[in-house]
Each structure stands twice: as C-alpha cells, then as structure tokens.
Amino acid sequence: MAACVLVLACDALTDSVPGLQDTGRFTISESRDAGGTVLHVSGSSCHSAKVVSRVTEATEGDTLVLAVHVVLAQDDGRSGDFVHEIHVPRGVVRVVYGDERREIWPARP
C-alpha cells in the first residue's frame, strides 16, 4: 500500500508532454513585429485530470520544438489551458509540437 501511494505521489510530480492528438482547441496564428515572425499558439489538455505546468521551446538546428508539459491536477489554481507566444528565431524554418514532433508551422519562402 505504501509503495502504491509513493508511485501515485511521484506521478503527480512528474510532467508529461502530450501530442497534438491530446490537445484540444489547438490554434496557431502568425503575425510579424520588428523582430520577425511571431506565432500565437493556444489550446488545452484533453485530459480533465491534467493541468499545464509549463510551456518550453528548444531549437534544434532549423527546427523549434514546442512542448506543453502537463501534470496531474492539484488544487493550486492552474488549468489545462495554455496561451503561448513564440518569437521565431532567425534560421528556424519549421516548428514541431510535443514529443511526437508533429509539424505545426512551416516557414514561407
């Protein structure tokens, strides 16, 4: 029983990165500012028991990886919704989403 409680407690603290199929109401729009291309991304966790803990970006060569991290919901005011703005770095030609790396934005020539 104690081991089961420990596993559940650890799972609540560990985040996961859902794929696009597990993200509801996903939208992406593009605008430009003085610095270049800006992407406005929003959506929500399709799992009612999970909330967004953070949104991260990582550049790998000419690709930017966007990851929305979710954790089990606790009574701390967080929600499953996210709104994020990406200032696309020079040299990035595509943006992929989640661990599955599904392409969500290709750069236009």
Protein backbone atom coordinates (compact mmCIF):
# COMPACT_ATOMS: atom_id res chain seq x y z
CA MET A 1 0.00 0.00 0.00
CA ALA A 2 2.80 2.46 0.89
CA ALA A 3 4.54 1.71 -2.41
CA CYS A 4 1.33 2.41 -4.30
CA VAL A 5 0.93 5.79 -2.56
CA LEU A 6 4.57 6.63 -3.33
CA VAL A 7 4.11 5.79 -7.02
CA LEU A 8 0.99 7.96 -7.23
CA ALA A 9 2.75 10.83 -5.46
CA CYS A 10 5.71 10.63 -7.85
CA ASP A 11 3.41 10.51 -10.87
CA ALA A 12 1.66 13.67 -9.69
CA LEU A 13 5.00 15.48 -9.63
CA THR A 14 6.23 14.14 -12.98
CA ASP A 15 5.18 16.00 -16.07
CA SER A 16 4.41 14.59 -19.48
CA VAL A 17 4.26 16.17 -22.92
CA PRO A 18 1.08 15.28 -24.80
CA GLY A 19 0.93 15.10 -28.56
CA LEU A 20 -1.31 17.14 -30.79
CA GLN A 21 -4.00 14.43 -30.67
CA ASP A 22 -4.24 15.01 -26.89
CA THR A 23 -4.50 18.78 -27.21
CA GLY A 24 -7.95 20.28 -27.61
CA ARG A 25 -8.96 23.54 -29.27
CA PHE A 26 -5.46 23.89 -30.72
CA THR A 27 -4.95 27.10 -32.70
CA ILE A 28 -1.94 28.77 -34.25
CA SER A 29 -1.77 32.16 -35.94
CA GLU A 30 1.11 34.15 -37.34
CA SER A 31 1.98 37.83 -37.17
CA ARG A 32 5.06 39.94 -37.67
CA ASP A 33 6.76 42.50 -35.49
CA ALA A 34 10.02 44.43 -35.72
CA GLY A 35 11.93 41.31 -34.65
CA GLY A 36 10.38 38.98 -37.24
CA THR A 37 7.74 36.26 -37.15
CA VAL A 38 5.60 35.74 -34.04
CA LEU A 39 3.40 32.66 -33.62
CA HIS A 40 0.42 32.74 -31.25
CA VAL A 41 -0.38 29.22 -30.04
CA SER A 42 -3.19 28.13 -27.73
CA GLY A 43 -5.04 25.01 -26.70
CA SER A 44 -5.99 22.84 -23.76
CA SER A 45 -5.26 19.45 -22.28
CA CYS A 46 -7.76 16.82 -23.41
CA HIS A 47 -7.32 15.08 -20.05
CA SER A 48 -9.55 16.67 -17.42
CA ALA A 49 -7.27 15.43 -14.64
CA LYS A 50 -4.20 17.21 -16.06
CA VAL A 51 -3.16 20.86 -15.99
CA VAL A 52 -0.44 22.75 -17.83
CA SER A 53 2.67 23.15 -15.69
CA ARG A 54 4.87 24.94 -18.25
CA VAL A 55 5.48 25.55 -21.95
CA THR A 56 9.01 25.18 -23.30
CA GLU A 57 10.81 25.86 -26.56
CA ALA A 58 14.03 24.27 -27.76
CA THR A 59 15.83 24.99 -31.01
CA GLU A 60 17.43 22.05 -32.77
CA GLY A 61 19.15 23.23 -35.92
CA ASP A 62 16.50 24.79 -38.16
CA THR A 63 13.62 23.37 -36.09
CA LEU A 64 11.95 24.79 -32.98
CA VAL A 65 10.36 22.19 -30.69
CA LEU A 66 7.35 23.43 -28.68
CA ALA A 67 6.43 21.31 -25.67
CA VAL A 68 3.43 21.81 -23.40
CA HIS A 69 4.10 20.00 -20.13
CA VAL A 70 1.13 18.71 -18.11
CA VAL A 71 0.85 17.26 -14.61
CA LEU A 72 -1.95 15.76 -12.57
CA ALA A 73 -4.28 18.49 -11.33
CA GLN A 74 -3.94 19.66 -7.78
CA ASP A 75 -5.89 22.37 -6.02
CA ASP A 76 -3.41 25.14 -6.92
CA GLY A 77 -5.35 27.24 -9.42
CA ARG A 78 -3.68 26.00 -12.60
CA SER A 79 -5.78 24.99 -15.58
CA GLY A 80 -5.45 22.77 -18.61
CA ASP A 81 -5.45 25.77 -20.96
CA PHE A 82 -2.38 27.45 -22.42
CA VAL A 83 -1.65 30.54 -24.49
CA HIS A 84 1.91 30.96 -25.71
CA GLU A 85 3.76 33.35 -27.99
CA ILE A 86 6.79 32.19 -29.98
CA HIS A 87 9.24 34.71 -31.39
CA VAL A 88 10.65 32.54 -34.18
CA PRO A 89 14.47 32.79 -34.16
CA ARG A 90 16.31 33.55 -37.40
CA GLY A 91 17.19 30.37 -39.25
CA VAL A 92 14.21 28.39 -37.95
CA VAL A 93 12.16 27.07 -40.88
CA ARG A 94 9.64 24.92 -39.03
CA VAL A 95 8.03 24.43 -35.63
CA VAL A 96 7.09 20.99 -34.31
CA TYR A 97 4.83 20.13 -31.37
CA GLY A 98 5.28 17.72 -28.49
CA ASP A 99 7.32 14.57 -28.17
CA GLU A 100 5.81 13.28 -31.42
CA ARG A 101 7.28 16.36 -33.19
CA ARG A 102 4.31 16.92 -35.44
CA GLU A 103 4.90 19.92 -37.68
CA ILE A 104 2.60 22.85 -36.85
CA TRP A 105 4.27 25.66 -38.78
CA PRO A 106 6.45 25.75 -41.88
CA ALA A 107 8.25 28.96 -42.79
CA ARG A 108 7.18 30.58 -46.03
CA PRO A 109 9.84 31.42 -48.66
